[in-house]
PDB file of N, CA and C in Angstrom:
ATOM      1  N   MET A   1       8.741 -25.308 -42.265  1.00  0.00           N
ATOM      2  CA  MET A   1       8.631 -25.453 -40.834  1.00  0.00           C
ATOM      3  C   MET A   1      10.273 -25.073 -40.124  1.00  0.00           C
ATOM      4  N   SER A   2      10.074 -23.987 -39.379  1.00  0.00           N
ATOM      5  CA  SER A   2      11.093 -23.290 -38.759  1.00  0.00           C
ATOM      6  C   SER A   2      12.193 -24.214 -37.528  1.00  0.00           C
ATOM      7  N   GLU A   3      12.978 -24.467 -37.231  1.00  0.00           N
ATOM      8  CA  GLU A   3      13.499 -25.285 -36.254  1.00  0.00           C
ATOM      9  C   GLU A   3      14.510 -24.686 -35.349  1.00  0.00           C
ATOM     10  N   GLU A   4      14.034 -23.341 -35.028  1.00  0.00           N
ATOM     11  CA  GLU A   4      14.535 -22.445 -34.457  1.00  0.00           C
ATOM     12  C   GLU A   4      14.608 -22.937 -32.680  1.00  0.00           C
ATOM     13  N   GLN A   5      15.831 -22.876 -32.308  1.00  0.00           N
ATOM     14  CA  GLN A   5      16.040 -23.791 -31.003  1.00  0.00           C
ATOM     15  C   GLN A   5      15.249 -22.508 -29.503  1.00  0.00           C
ATOM     16  N   VAL A   6      14.533 -23.204 -28.958  1.00  0.00           N
ATOM     17  CA  VAL A   6      13.759 -22.466 -27.977  1.00  0.00           C
ATOM     18  C   VAL A   6      14.958 -22.391 -26.393  1.00  0.00           C
ATOM     19  N   SER A   7      14.813 -20.790 -26.404  1.00  0.00           N
ATOM     20  CA  SER A   7      15.650 -19.891 -25.294  1.00  0.00           C
ATOM     21  C   SER A   7      14.844 -19.468 -24.657  1.00  0.00           C
ATOM     22  N   LEU A   8      15.050 -18.566 -23.495  1.00  0.00           N
ATOM     23  CA  LEU A   8      14.250 -17.909 -22.275  1.00  0.00           C
ATOM     24  C   LEU A   8      13.858 -16.483 -23.604  1.00  0.00           C
ATOM     25  N   VAL A   9      14.582 -16.167 -24.157  1.00  0.00           N
ATOM     26  CA  VAL A   9      14.392 -14.885 -25.044  1.00  0.00           C
ATOM     27  C   VAL A   9      13.074 -15.364 -26.080  1.00  0.00           C
ATOM     28  N   THR A  10      13.065 -16.491 -26.356  1.00  0.00           N
ATOM     29  CA  THR A  10      12.361 -16.582 -27.692  1.00  0.00           C
ATOM     30  C   THR A  10      11.082 -17.634 -27.233  1.00  0.00           C
ATOM     31  N   LEU A  11      11.222 -17.914 -26.024  1.00  0.00           N
ATOM     32  CA  LEU A  11      10.024 -19.004 -25.746  1.00  0.00           C
ATOM     33  C   LEU A  11       8.690 -17.936 -25.364  1.00  0.00           C
ATOM     34  N   ARG A  12       7.466 -18.533 -26.313  1.00  0.00           N
ATOM     35  CA  ARG A  12       6.357 -17.742 -26.128  1.00  0.00           C
ATOM     36  C   ARG A  12       6.511 -16.248 -26.476  1.00  0.00           C
ATOM     37  N   ARG A  13       7.309 -15.813 -27.481  1.00  0.00           N
ATOM     38  CA  ARG A  13       7.809 -14.671 -28.237  1.00  0.00           C
ATOM     39  C   ARG A  13       8.167 -13.594 -27.158  1.00  0.00           C
ATOM     40  N   GLY A  14       9.138 -14.032 -26.303  1.00  0.00           N
ATOM     41  CA  GLY A  14       9.914 -13.184 -25.288  1.00  0.00           C
ATOM     42  C   GLY A  14       8.867 -13.058 -23.987  1.00  0.00           C
ATOM     43  N   ALA A  15       7.896 -13.699 -23.847  1.00  0.00           N
ATOM     44  CA  ALA A  15       7.150 -13.704 -22.530  1.00  0.00           C
ATOM     45  C   ALA A  15       7.652 -13.675 -21.319  1.00  0.00           C
ATOM     46  N   ALA A  16       8.544 -14.750 -21.183  1.00  0.00           N
ATOM     47  CA  ALA A  16       9.247 -14.815 -20.198  1.00  0.00           C
ATOM     48  C   ALA A  16      10.254 -13.589 -19.620  1.00  0.00           C
ATOM     49  N   VAL A  17      10.831 -13.147 -20.499  1.00  0.00           N
ATOM     50  CA  VAL A  17      12.100 -11.853 -20.369  1.00  0.00           C
ATOM     51  C   VAL A  17      10.942 -10.757 -19.864  1.00  0.00           C
ATOM     52  N   GLU A  18       9.571 -10.442 -20.664  1.00  0.00           N
ATOM     53  CA  GLU A  18       8.659  -9.620 -20.158  1.00  0.00           C
ATOM     54  C   GLU A  18       8.079  -9.503 -18.751  1.00  0.00           C
ATOM     55  N   LEU A  19       7.999 -10.752 -18.617  1.00  0.00           N
ATOM     56  CA  LEU A  19       7.383 -11.133 -16.837  1.00  0.00           C
ATOM     57  C   LEU A  19       8.281 -10.617 -16.165  1.00  0.00           C
ATOM     58  N   VAL A  20       9.893 -10.956 -16.185  1.00  0.00           N
ATOM     59  CA  VAL A  20      10.727 -10.642 -15.594  1.00  0.00           C
ATOM     60  C   VAL A  20      11.069  -9.254 -15.828  1.00  0.00           C
ATOM     61  N   ASP A  21      11.167  -8.385 -16.685  1.00  0.00           N
ATOM     62  CA  ASP A  21      11.274  -7.024 -17.001  1.00  0.00           C
ATOM     63  C   ASP A  21      10.644  -6.397 -16.056  1.00  0.00           C
ATOM     64  N   GLU A  22       9.093  -6.533 -16.135  1.00  0.00           N
ATOM     65  CA  GLU A  22       7.749  -6.145 -15.144  1.00  0.00           C
ATOM     66  C   GLU A  22       8.263  -6.214 -13.897  1.00  0.00           C
ATOM     67  N   GLU A  23       8.466  -7.174 -13.393  1.00  0.00           N
ATOM     68  CA  GLU A  23       8.904  -7.405 -11.955  1.00  0.00           C
ATOM     69  C   GLU A  23      10.191  -6.545 -11.326  1.00  0.00           C
ATOM     70  N   ILE A  24      10.940  -6.583 -12.482  1.00  0.00           N
ATOM     71  CA  ILE A  24      12.171  -5.603 -11.989  1.00  0.00           C
ATOM     72  C   ILE A  24      11.660  -4.209 -11.573  1.00  0.00           C
ATOM     73  N   ARG A  25      11.042  -3.782 -12.627  1.00  0.00           N
ATOM     74  CA  ARG A  25      10.425  -2.252 -12.175  1.00  0.00           C
ATOM     75  C   ARG A  25       9.445  -2.153 -11.200  1.00  0.00           C
ATOM     76  N   ARG A  26       8.981  -3.291 -10.908  1.00  0.00           N
ATOM     77  CA  ARG A  26       8.326  -3.249  -9.601  1.00  0.00           C
ATOM     78  C   ARG A  26       9.051  -2.934  -8.308  1.00  0.00           C
ATOM     79  N   ALA A  27      10.187  -4.022  -8.384  1.00  0.00           N
ATOM     80  CA  ALA A  27      10.980  -4.115  -7.376  1.00  0.00           C
ATOM     81  C   ALA A  27      11.751  -2.403  -7.117  1.00  0.00           C
ATOM     82  N   LEU A  28      12.250  -1.897  -8.252  1.00  0.00           N
ATOM     83  CA  LEU A  28      13.073  -0.546  -8.186  1.00  0.00           C
ATOM     84  C   LEU A  28      11.709   0.501  -7.725  1.00  0.00           C
ATOM     85  N   ALA A  29      10.588  -0.010  -8.104  1.00  0.00           N
ATOM     86  CA  ALA A  29       9.642   1.211  -7.477  1.00  0.00           C
ATOM     87  C   ALA A  29       9.409   1.176  -6.081  1.00  0.00           C
ATOM     88  N   ASN A  30       9.278  -0.338  -5.590  1.00  0.00           N
ATOM     89  CA  ASN A  30       9.614  -0.642  -4.186  1.00  0.00           C
ATOM     90  C   ASN A  30      10.626  -0.068  -3.396  1.00  0.00           C
ATOM     91  N   ILE A  31      11.927  -0.240  -4.174  1.00  0.00           N
ATOM     92  CA  ILE A  31      13.272   0.230  -3.597  1.00  0.00           C
ATOM     93  C   ILE A  31      13.103   2.081  -3.288  1.00  0.00           C
ATOM     94  N   VAL A  32      12.759   2.870  -4.341  1.00  0.00           N
ATOM     95  CA  VAL A  32      12.682   3.958  -4.192  1.00  0.00           C
ATOM     96  C   VAL A  32      11.561   4.569  -3.399  1.00  0.00           C
ATOM     97  N   ASP A  33      10.314   3.647  -2.970  1.00  0.00           N
ATOM     98  CA  ASP A  33       9.775   4.112  -2.233  1.00  0.00           C
ATOM     99  C   ASP A  33      10.036   4.499  -0.571  1.00  0.00           C
ATOM    100  N   PRO A  34       9.670   5.560  -0.368  1.00  0.00           N
ATOM    101  CA  PRO A  34      10.085   6.133   0.923  1.00  0.00           C
ATOM    102  C   PRO A  34       9.576   5.323   2.184  1.00  0.00           C
ATOM    103  N   ASN A  35       8.486   4.633   2.164  1.00  0.00           N
ATOM    104  CA  ASN A  35       7.723   3.937   3.020  1.00  0.00           C
ATOM    105  C   ASN A  35       8.097   2.665   3.338  1.00  0.00           C
ATOM    106  N   THR A  36       9.480   1.913   2.438  1.00  0.00           N
ATOM    107  CA  THR A  36      10.032   0.683   2.620  1.00  0.00           C
ATOM    108  C   THR A  36      11.408   1.013   3.398  1.00  0.00           C
ATOM    109  N   ASP A  37      11.813  -0.081   3.812  1.00  0.00           N
ATOM    110  CA  ASP A  37      13.048  -0.144   4.353  1.00  0.00           C
ATOM    111  C   ASP A  37      13.895  -0.153   3.002  1.00  0.00           C
ATOM    112  N   PRO A  38      15.080   0.870   3.013  1.00  0.00           N
ATOM    113  CA  PRO A  38      16.137   0.967   2.161  1.00  0.00           C
ATOM    114  C   PRO A  38      17.031  -0.056   1.856  1.00  0.00           C
ATOM    115  N   GLU A  39      17.245  -0.817   2.982  1.00  0.00           N
ATOM    116  CA  GLU A  39      18.082  -2.035   2.811  1.00  0.00           C
ATOM    117  C   GLU A  39      17.766  -3.090   2.669  1.00  0.00           C
ATOM    118  N   ALA A  40      16.501  -3.165   2.632  1.00  0.00           N
ATOM    119  CA  ALA A  40      16.059  -4.431   2.795  1.00  0.00           C
ATOM    120  C   ALA A  40      16.417  -5.160   1.239  1.00  0.00           C
ATOM    121  N   SER A  41      16.729  -6.524   1.186  1.00  0.00           N
ATOM    122  CA  SER A  41      16.373  -6.932  -0.193  1.00  0.00           C
ATOM    123  C   SER A  41      15.654  -7.310  -0.848  1.00  0.00           C
ATOM    124  N   ARG A  42      15.161  -7.227  -2.046  1.00  0.00           N
ATOM    125  CA  ARG A  42      14.662  -7.678  -2.878  1.00  0.00           C
ATOM    126  C   ARG A  42      14.600  -8.851  -3.619  1.00  0.00           C
ATOM    127  N   GLU A  43      13.712  -9.771  -3.843  1.00  0.00           N
ATOM    128  CA  GLU A  43      13.893 -11.276  -4.547  1.00  0.00           C
ATOM    129  C   GLU A  43      13.004 -11.218  -5.755  1.00  0.00           C
ATOM    130  N   ILE A  44      13.869 -11.719  -6.994  1.00  0.00           N
ATOM    131  CA  ILE A  44      12.690 -12.126  -8.131  1.00  0.00           C
ATOM    132  C   ILE A  44      13.010 -13.901  -8.677  1.00  0.00           C
ATOM    133  N   THR A  45      12.092 -14.501  -8.569  1.00  0.00           N
ATOM    134  CA  THR A  45      12.161 -15.497  -8.963  1.00  0.00           C
ATOM    135  C   THR A  45      11.287 -15.920 -10.169  1.00  0.00           C
ATOM    136  N   LEU A  46      11.996 -16.661 -11.300  1.00  0.00           N
ATOM    137  CA  LEU A  46      11.974 -17.019 -12.554  1.00  0.00           C
ATOM    138  C   LEU A  46      11.358 -18.675 -12.261  1.00  0.00           C
ATOM    139  N   THR A  47       9.799 -18.907 -12.488  1.00  0.00           N
ATOM    140  CA  THR A  47      10.101 -20.735 -12.768  1.00  0.00           C
ATOM    141  C   THR A  47       9.631 -20.826 -13.919  1.00  0.00           C
ATOM    142  N   LEU A  48      10.082 -21.868 -14.495  1.00  0.00           N
ATOM    143  CA  LEU A  48       9.776 -22.602 -15.562  1.00  0.00           C
ATOM    144  C   LEU A  48       9.155 -23.850 -15.390  1.00  0.00           C
ATOM    145  N   LYS A  49       8.250 -24.203 -15.424  1.00  0.00           N
ATOM    146  CA  LYS A  49       7.263 -25.712 -15.023  1.00  0.00           C
ATOM    147  C   LYS A  49       7.253 -26.561 -16.423  1.00  0.00           C
ATOM    148  N   LEU A  50       8.153 -27.632 -16.994  1.00  0.00           N
ATOM    149  CA  LEU A  50       8.252 -28.194 -17.698  1.00  0.00           C
ATOM    150  C   LEU A  50       7.410 -29.719 -17.692  1.00  0.00           C
ATOM    151  N   LYS A  51       5.917 -29.823 -18.215  1.00  0.00           N
ATOM    152  CA  LYS A  51       5.097 -31.079 -18.049  1.00  0.00           C
ATOM    153  C   LYS A  51       5.041 -31.840 -19.319  1.00  0.00           C
ATOM    154  N   PRO A  52       6.101 -32.905 -19.641  1.00  0.00           N
ATOM    155  CA  PRO A  52       6.017 -33.567 -20.757  1.00  0.00           C
ATOM    156  C   PRO A  52       4.734 -34.207 -21.191  1.00  0.00           C
ATOM    157  N   GLU A  53       4.258 -34.638 -22.018  1.00  0.00           N
ATOM    158  CA  GLU A  53       3.084 -35.545 -22.445  1.00  0.00           C
ATOM    159  C   GLU A  53       3.630 -36.921 -22.288  1.00  0.00           C
ATOM    160  N   LYS A  54       3.184 -38.096 -22.409  1.00  0.00           N
ATOM    161  CA  LYS A  54       3.554 -39.150 -22.849  1.00  0.00           C
ATOM    162  C   LYS A  54       4.137 -40.276 -23.052  1.00  0.00           C
ATOM    163  N   ASP A  55       3.794 -39.403 -24.998  1.00  0.00           N
ATOM    164  CA  ASP A  55       4.756 -39.540 -25.841  1.00  0.00           C
ATOM    165  C   ASP A  55       6.135 -39.264 -25.636  1.00  0.00           C
ATOM    166  N   ARG A  56       6.359 -38.137 -24.785  1.00  0.00           N
ATOM    167  CA  ARG A  56       7.641 -37.252 -24.440  1.00  0.00           C
ATOM    168  C   ARG A  56       8.336 -36.461 -25.752  1.00  0.00           C
ATOM    169  N   GLU A  57       7.381 -36.161 -26.708  1.00  0.00           N
ATOM    170  CA  GLU A  57       7.759 -35.945 -27.884  1.00  0.00           C
ATOM    171  C   GLU A  57       6.856 -34.238 -27.981  1.00  0.00           C
ATOM    172  N   ARG A  58       6.607 -33.686 -27.206  1.00  0.00           N
ATOM    173  CA  ARG A  58       5.608 -32.414 -26.721  1.00  0.00           C
ATOM    174  C   ARG A  58       5.851 -32.176 -25.243  1.00  0.00           C
ATOM    175  N   VAL A  59       6.183 -30.640 -24.556  1.00  0.00           N
ATOM    176  CA  VAL A  59       6.498 -30.707 -23.960  1.00  0.00           C
ATOM    177  C   VAL A  59       5.293 -28.890 -23.210  1.00  0.00           C
ATOM    178  N   GLY A  60       4.670 -29.109 -22.618  1.00  0.00           N
ATOM    179  CA  GLY A  60       4.109 -28.034 -21.959  1.00  0.00           C
ATOM    180  C   GLY A  60       5.174 -27.462 -20.980  1.00  0.00           C
ATOM    181  N   ILE A  61       4.849 -25.749 -21.030  1.00  0.00           N
ATOM    182  CA  ILE A  61       5.732 -25.259 -20.228  1.00  0.00           C
ATOM    183  C   ILE A  61       4.984 -23.893 -19.588  1.00  0.00           C
ATOM    184  N   ASN A  62       5.101 -23.925 -17.950  1.00  0.00           N
ATOM    185  CA  ASN A  62       4.219 -22.498 -17.712  1.00  0.00           C
ATOM    186  C   ASN A  62       5.353 -21.704 -16.744  1.00  0.00           C
ATOM    187  N   ILE A  63       5.452 -20.647 -17.446  1.00  0.00           N
ATOM    188  CA  ILE A  63       6.519 -19.765 -17.075  1.00  0.00           C
ATOM    189  C   ILE A  63       5.409 -18.705 -15.739  1.00  0.00           C
ATOM    190  N   SER A  64       6.126 -18.612 -14.733  1.00  0.00           N
ATOM    191  CA  SER A  64       5.678 -17.690 -13.617  1.00  0.00           C
ATOM    192  C   SER A  64       7.028 -16.756 -12.984  1.00  0.00           C
ATOM    193  N   VAL A  65       6.371 -16.001 -12.789  1.00  0.00           N
ATOM    194  CA  VAL A  65       7.526 -15.084 -12.222  1.00  0.00           C
ATOM    195  C   VAL A  65       7.105 -14.357 -10.653  1.00  0.00           C
ATOM    196  N   LYS A  66       7.720 -14.467  -9.581  1.00  0.00           N
ATOM    197  CA  LYS A  66       6.965 -14.073  -8.445  1.00  0.00           C
ATOM    198  C   LYS A  66       8.455 -12.971  -7.772  1.00  0.00           C
ATOM    199  N   SER A  67       7.692 -12.175  -6.851  1.00  0.00           N
ATOM    200  CA  SER A  67       8.844 -11.323  -6.389  1.00  0.00           C
ATOM    201  C   SER A  67       8.682 -11.191  -4.997  1.00  0.00           C
ATOM    202  N   LYS A  68       9.406 -10.837  -3.899  1.00  0.00           N
ATOM    203  CA  LYS A  68       9.627 -10.839  -2.657  1.00  0.00           C
ATOM    204  C   LYS A  68       9.706  -9.044  -2.234  1.00  0.00           C
ATOM    205  N   LEU A  69       8.644  -8.160  -2.290  1.00  0.00           N
ATOM    206  CA  LEU A  69       9.695  -6.668  -1.839  1.00  0.00           C
ATOM    207  C   LEU A  69       9.547  -6.371  -0.367  1.00  0.00           C
ATOM    208  N   ALA A  70      10.184  -5.579  -0.302  1.00  0.00           N
ATOM    209  CA  ALA A  70      10.126  -5.046   0.849  1.00  0.00           C
ATOM    210  C   ALA A  70       8.721  -4.601   1.195  1.00  0.00           C
ATOM    211  N   PRO A  71       8.107  -4.730   2.542  1.00  0.00           N
ATOM    212  CA  PRO A  71       6.850  -4.161   3.090  1.00  0.00           C
ATOM    213  C   PRO A  71       6.868  -2.827   3.153  1.00  0.00           C
ATOM    214  N   PRO A  72       5.900  -2.173   3.299  1.00  0.00           N
ATOM    215  CA  PRO A  72       5.535  -1.040   3.698  1.00  0.00           C
ATOM    216  C   PRO A  72       6.388  -0.873   5.179  1.00  0.00           C
ATOM    217  N   ALA A  73       6.991   0.373   5.498  1.00  0.00           N
ATOM    218  CA  ALA A  73       7.210   0.748   7.071  1.00  0.00           C
ATOM    219  C   ALA A  73       6.218   0.971   7.860  1.00  0.00           C
ATOM    220  N   SER A  74       6.004   0.491   8.595  1.00  0.00           N
ATOM    221  CA  SER A  74       5.265   0.168  10.199  1.00  0.00           C
ATOM    222  C   SER A  74       5.182   1.508  10.681  1.00  0.00           C
ATOM    223  N   CYS A  75       4.180   1.905  11.333  1.00  0.00           N
ATOM    224  CA  CYS A  75       4.341   3.335  12.182  1.00  0.00           C
ATOM    225  C   CYS A  75       3.077   3.061  13.472  1.00  0.00           C
ATOM    226  N   SER A  76       3.777   3.477  14.219  1.00  0.00           N
ATOM    227  CA  SER A  76       2.936   3.335  15.699  1.00  0.00           C
ATOM    228  C   SER A  76       2.247   4.793  16.111  1.00  0.00           C
ATOM    229  N   ALA A  77       1.321   4.279  17.037  1.00  0.00           N
ATOM    230  CA  ALA A  77       0.264   5.288  17.679  1.00  0.00           C
ATOM    231  C   ALA A  77      -0.047   4.783  19.062  1.00  0.00           C
ATOM    232  N   SER A  78      -0.431   5.632  19.780  1.00  0.00           N
ATOM    233  CA  SER A  78      -1.485   5.074  21.485  1.00  0.00           C
ATOM    234  C   SER A  78      -2.674   5.849  21.095  1.00  0.00           C
ATOM    235  N   ILE A  79      -3.419   5.235  22.140  1.00  0.00           N
ATOM    236  CA  ILE A  79      -4.627   5.684  22.045  1.00  0.00           C
ATOM    237  C   ILE A  79      -5.014   5.145  23.648  1.00  0.00           C
ATOM    238  N   TRP A  80      -6.063   6.185  23.999  1.00  0.00           N
ATOM    239  CA  TRP A  80      -6.836   5.915  25.367  1.00  0.00           C
ATOM    240  C   TRP A  80      -8.233   5.462  25.335  1.00  0.00           C
ATOM    241  N   VAL A  81      -8.573   4.487  25.903  1.00  0.00           N
ATOM    242  CA  VAL A  81      -9.414   3.573  26.148  1.00  0.00           C
ATOM    243  C   VAL A  81     -10.719   4.357  26.883  1.00  0.00           C
ATOM    244  N   LEU A  82     -11.644   4.585  26.364  1.00  0.00           N
ATOM    245  CA  LEU A  82     -12.679   5.230  26.959  1.00  0.00           C
ATOM    246  C   LEU A  82     -13.876   4.466  27.043  1.00  0.00           C
ATOM    247  N   SER A  83     -14.267   4.455  28.229  1.00  0.00           N
ATOM    248  CA  SER A  83     -15.570   3.709  28.536  1.00  0.00           C
ATOM    249  C   SER A  83     -16.960   5.184  29.045  1.00  0.00           C
ATOM    250  N   THR A  84     -17.895   5.583  28.176  1.00  0.00           N
ATOM    251  CA  THR A  84     -18.760   6.069  28.594  1.00  0.00           C
ATOM    252  C   THR A  84     -20.111   5.337  28.037  1.00  0.00           C
ATOM    253  N   LYS A  85     -21.164   6.457  28.507  1.00  0.00           N
ATOM    254  CA  LYS A  85     -22.594   6.111  28.012  1.00  0.00           C
ATOM    255  C   LYS A  85     -22.654   5.607  26.336  1.00  0.00           C
ATOM    256  N   ARG A  86     -21.843   6.466  25.697  1.00  0.00           N
ATOM    257  CA  ARG A  86     -21.866   5.495  23.947  1.00  0.00           C
ATOM    258  C   ARG A  86     -21.136   4.568  23.865  1.00  0.00           C
ATOM    259  N   GLY A  87     -20.496   3.797  24.740  1.00  0.00           N
ATOM    260  CA  GLY A  87     -19.719   2.377  24.710  1.00  0.00           C
ATOM    261  C   GLY A  87     -18.504   2.876  24.989  1.00  0.00           C
ATOM    262  N   ILE A  88     -17.809   1.570  24.703  1.00  0.00           N
ATOM    263  CA  ILE A  88     -16.206   1.854  24.932  1.00  0.00           C
ATOM    264  C   ILE A  88     -15.909   2.039  23.633  1.00  0.00           C
ATOM    265  N   PHE A  89     -14.641   2.870  23.853  1.00  0.00           N
ATOM    266  CA  PHE A  89     -13.904   3.465  22.543  1.00  0.00           C
ATOM    267  C   PHE A  89     -12.554   4.052  22.447  1.00  0.00           C
ATOM    268  N   GLY A  90     -11.734   4.225  21.449  1.00  0.00           N
ATOM    269  CA  GLY A  90     -10.509   4.722  21.800  1.00  0.00           C
ATOM    270  C   GLY A  90     -10.281   5.840  20.848  1.00  0.00           C
ATOM    271  N   VAL A  91      -9.382   6.973  21.523  1.00  0.00           N
ATOM    272  CA  VAL A  91      -9.341   8.258  21.344  1.00  0.00           C
ATOM    273  C   VAL A  91      -7.624   8.399  21.106  1.00  0.00           C
ATOM    274  N   GLU A  92      -7.091   9.672  20.490  1.00  0.00           N
ATOM    275  CA  GLU A  92      -5.576   9.621  20.387  1.00  0.00           C
ATOM    276  C   GLU A  92      -5.367  10.607  21.245  1.00  0.00           C
ATOM    277  N   ASP A  93      -6.233  11.605  21.763  1.00  0.00           N
ATOM    278  CA  ASP A  93      -5.578  12.373  22.577  1.00  0.00           C
ATOM    279  C   ASP A  93      -6.013  12.094  23.986  1.00  0.00           C
ATOM    280  N   ASP A  94      -5.213  12.658  24.976  1.00  0.00           N
ATOM    281  CA  ASP A  94      -4.988  12.634  26.423  1.00  0.00           C
ATOM    282  C   ASP A  94      -6.359  12.835  26.588  1.00  0.00           C
ATOM    283  N   PRO A  95      -7.473  12.128  27.144  1.00  0.00           N
ATOM    284  CA  PRO A  95      -8.537  12.665  27.728  1.00  0.00           C
ATOM    285  C   PRO A  95      -8.320  13.576  29.104  1.00  0.00           C
ATOM    286  N   HIS A  96      -7.826  13.331  29.917  1.00  0.00           N
ATOM    287  CA  HIS A  96      -7.191  13.865  30.933  1.00  0.00           C
ATOM    288  C   HIS A  96      -6.609  15.456  30.852  1.00  0.00           C
ATOM    289  N   GLN A  97      -6.007  15.469  29.440  1.00  0.00           N
ATOM    290  CA  GLN A  97      -5.721  17.057  29.064  1.00  0.00           C
ATOM    291  C   GLN A  97      -6.769  17.800  28.726  1.00  0.00           C
ATOM    292  N   ARG A  98      -7.983  17.371  28.154  1.00  0.00           N
ATOM    293  CA  ARG A  98      -8.998  18.326  27.358  1.00  0.00           C
ATOM    294  C   ARG A  98      -9.109  19.415  28.341  1.00  0.00           C
ATOM    295  N   GLY A  99      -9.862  20.399  27.696  1.00  0.00           N
ATOM    296  CA  GLY A  99      -9.854  21.506  28.362  1.00  0.00           C
ATOM    297  C   GLY A  99      -8.671  22.476  28.627  1.00  0.00           C
ATOM    298  N   LEU A 100      -7.466  22.181  28.372  1.00  0.00           N
ATOM    299  CA  LEU A 100      -6.229  23.001  28.703  1.00  0.00           C
ATOM    300  C   LEU A 100      -6.343  24.011  27.544  1.00  0.00           C
ATOM    301  N   PHE A 101      -6.776  23.640  26.189  1.00  0.00           N
ATOM    302  CA  PHE A 101      -6.270  24.479  25.291  1.00  0.00           C
ATOM    303  C   PHE A 101      -7.719  24.927  24.805  1.00  0.00           C
ATOM    304  N   GLU A 102      -8.851  24.706  25.265  1.00  0.00           N
ATOM    305  CA  GLU A 102     -10.021  24.628  24.474  1.00  0.00           C
ATOM    306  C   GLU A 102     -10.674  26.019  25.223  1.00  0.00           C
ATOM    307  N   ASP A 103     -11.389  26.663  24.490  1.00  0.00           N
ATOM    308  CA  ASP A 103     -12.365  27.827  25.175  1.00  0.00           C
ATOM    309  C   ASP A 103     -13.399  26.900  25.813  1.00  0.00           C
ATOM    310  N   PRO A 104     -13.707  27.652  26.913  1.00  0.00           N
ATOM    311  CA  PRO A 104     -14.822  26.861  27.819  1.00  0.00           C
ATOM    312  C   PRO A 104     -16.095  27.533  27.437  1.00  0.00           C
ATOM    313  N   THR A 105     -16.070  28.481  26.699  1.00  0.00           N
ATOM    314  CA  THR A 105     -17.343  29.413  26.459  1.00  0.00           C
ATOM    315  C   THR A 105     -17.820  28.686  24.932  1.00  0.00           C
ATOM    316  N   PRO A 106     -18.919  28.116  24.742  1.00  0.00           N
ATOM    317  CA  PRO A 106     -19.382  27.393  23.191  1.00  0.00           C
ATOM    318  C   PRO A 106     -19.222  28.948  22.392  1.00  0.00           C
ATOM    319  N   ALA A 107     -18.678  28.681  21.170  1.00  0.00           N
ATOM    320  CA  ALA A 107     -19.112  30.091  20.345  1.00  0.00           C
ATOM    321  C   ALA A 107     -20.257  30.625  20.140  1.00  0.00           C
ATOM    322  N   SER A 108     -21.210  29.982  20.071  1.00  0.00           N
ATOM    323  CA  SER A 108     -22.621  30.750  20.187  1.00  0.00           C
ATOM    324  C   SER A 108     -22.539  32.042  21.146  1.00  0.00           C
ATOM    325  N   GLU A 109     -22.092  32.026  22.187  1.00  0.00           N
ATOM    326  CA  GLU A 109     -22.189  32.668  23.324  1.00  0.00           C
ATOM    327  C   GLU A 109     -21.137  33.787  23.018  1.00  0.00           C
ATOM    328  N   ASN A 110     -20.255  33.559  22.040  1.00  0.00           N
ATOM    329  CA  ASN A 110     -19.381  34.663  22.167  1.00  0.00           C
ATOM    330  C   ASN A 110     -19.459  35.780  20.912  1.00  0.00           C
ATOM    331  N   VAL A 111     -20.748  35.067  19.956  1.00  0.00           N
ATOM    332  CA  VAL A 111     -21.310  35.904  18.907  1.00  0.00           C
ATOM    333  C   VAL A 111     -22.106  37.418  19.199  1.00  0.00           C
ATOM    334  N   ALA A 112     -21.323  38.389  19.141  1.00  0.00           N
ATOM    335  CA  ALA A 112     -22.668  39.454  19.413  1.00  0.00           C
ATOM    336  C   ALA A 112     -23.396  39.620  18.430  1.00  0.00           C
ATOM    337  N   SER A 113     -24.753  40.084  18.334  1.00  0.00           N
ATOM    338  CA  SER A 113     -25.414  40.437  17.429  1.00  0.00           C
ATOM    339  C   SER A 113     -25.859  41.999  17.321  1.00  0.00           C
ATOM    340  N   PHE A 114     -25.932  42.431  16.256  1.00  0.00           N
ATOM    341  CA  PHE A 114     -25.827  43.895  16.125  1.00  0.00           C
ATOM    342  C   PHE A 114     -27.528  44.162  15.683  1.00  0.00           C
ATOM    343  N   ALA A 115     -28.034  45.185  15.831  1.00  0.00           N
ATOM    344  CA  ALA A 115     -29.254  45.437  15.369  1.00  0.00           C
ATOM    345  C   ALA A 115     -29.310  45.997  13.918  1.00  0.00           C
ATOM    346  N   LYS A 116     -30.530  45.914  13.327  1.00  0.00           N
ATOM    347  CA  LYS A 116     -30.414  46.005  11.827  1.00  0.00           C
ATOM    348  C   LYS A 116     -29.978  47.399  11.691  1.00  0.00           C
ATOM    349  N   GLU A 117     -30.287  48.414  12.366  1.00  0.00           N
ATOM    350  CA  GLU A 117     -30.189  49.698  11.985  1.00  0.00           C
ATOM    351  C   GLU A 117     -28.543  50.130  12.188  1.00  0.00           C
ATOM    352  N   HIS A 118     -28.025  49.104  12.638  1.00  0.00           N
ATOM    353  CA  HIS A 118     -26.644  49.473  12.706  1.00  0.00           C
ATOM    354  C   HIS A 118     -25.610  48.831  12.064  1.00  0.00           C
ATOM    355  N   GLY A 119     -26.195  48.408  11.004  1.00  0.00           N
ATOM    356  CA  GLY A 119     -25.815  47.582   9.863  1.00  0.00           C
ATOM    357  C   GLY A 119     -25.385  46.058   9.970  1.00  0.00           C
ATOM    358  N   GLY A 120     -25.894  45.589  11.044  1.00  0.00           N
ATOM    359  CA  GLY A 120     -25.902  44.223  11.412  1.00  0.00           C
ATOM    360  C   GLY A 120     -26.799  43.324  10.524  1.00  0.00           C
ATOM    361  N   GLU A 121     -27.347  42.236  10.911  1.00  0.00           N
ATOM    362  CA  GLU A 121     -27.844  41.264  10.796  1.00  0.00           C
ATOM    363  C   GLU A 121     -28.874  41.804   9.862  1.00  0.00           C
ATOM    364  N   LYS A 122     -29.384  41.127   8.561  1.00  0.00           N
ATOM    365  CA  LYS A 122     -30.261  41.570   7.818  1.00  0.00           C
ATOM    366  C   LYS A 122     -31.648  40.382   7.791  1.00  0.00           C
TER     367      LYS A 122
END
């Protein structure tokens, strides 16, 4: 029987180290994400919970890793609230500005039809 002393590296054949490595990768991806605050601190916590049995000869160990990453940056918008026959809803474009840049004539009225003999619709 091997009596190799337990360490963070040997515990569960390196599982703790792998868990921390994965969280480091997640934190680095969060740092380079342009949608997060570049100056926000990121935090990685490794927790080992040791639960001894009554005889004190055997100990269960739970390994967990948690991280606190920067949240995505927020964005803002303004909406106009409209109340119509269809109900109450919001729109992003100013309803008072409608029509300034729109063609008042429906597209179907701007289409000219050509007779068949002139090479038009078939």
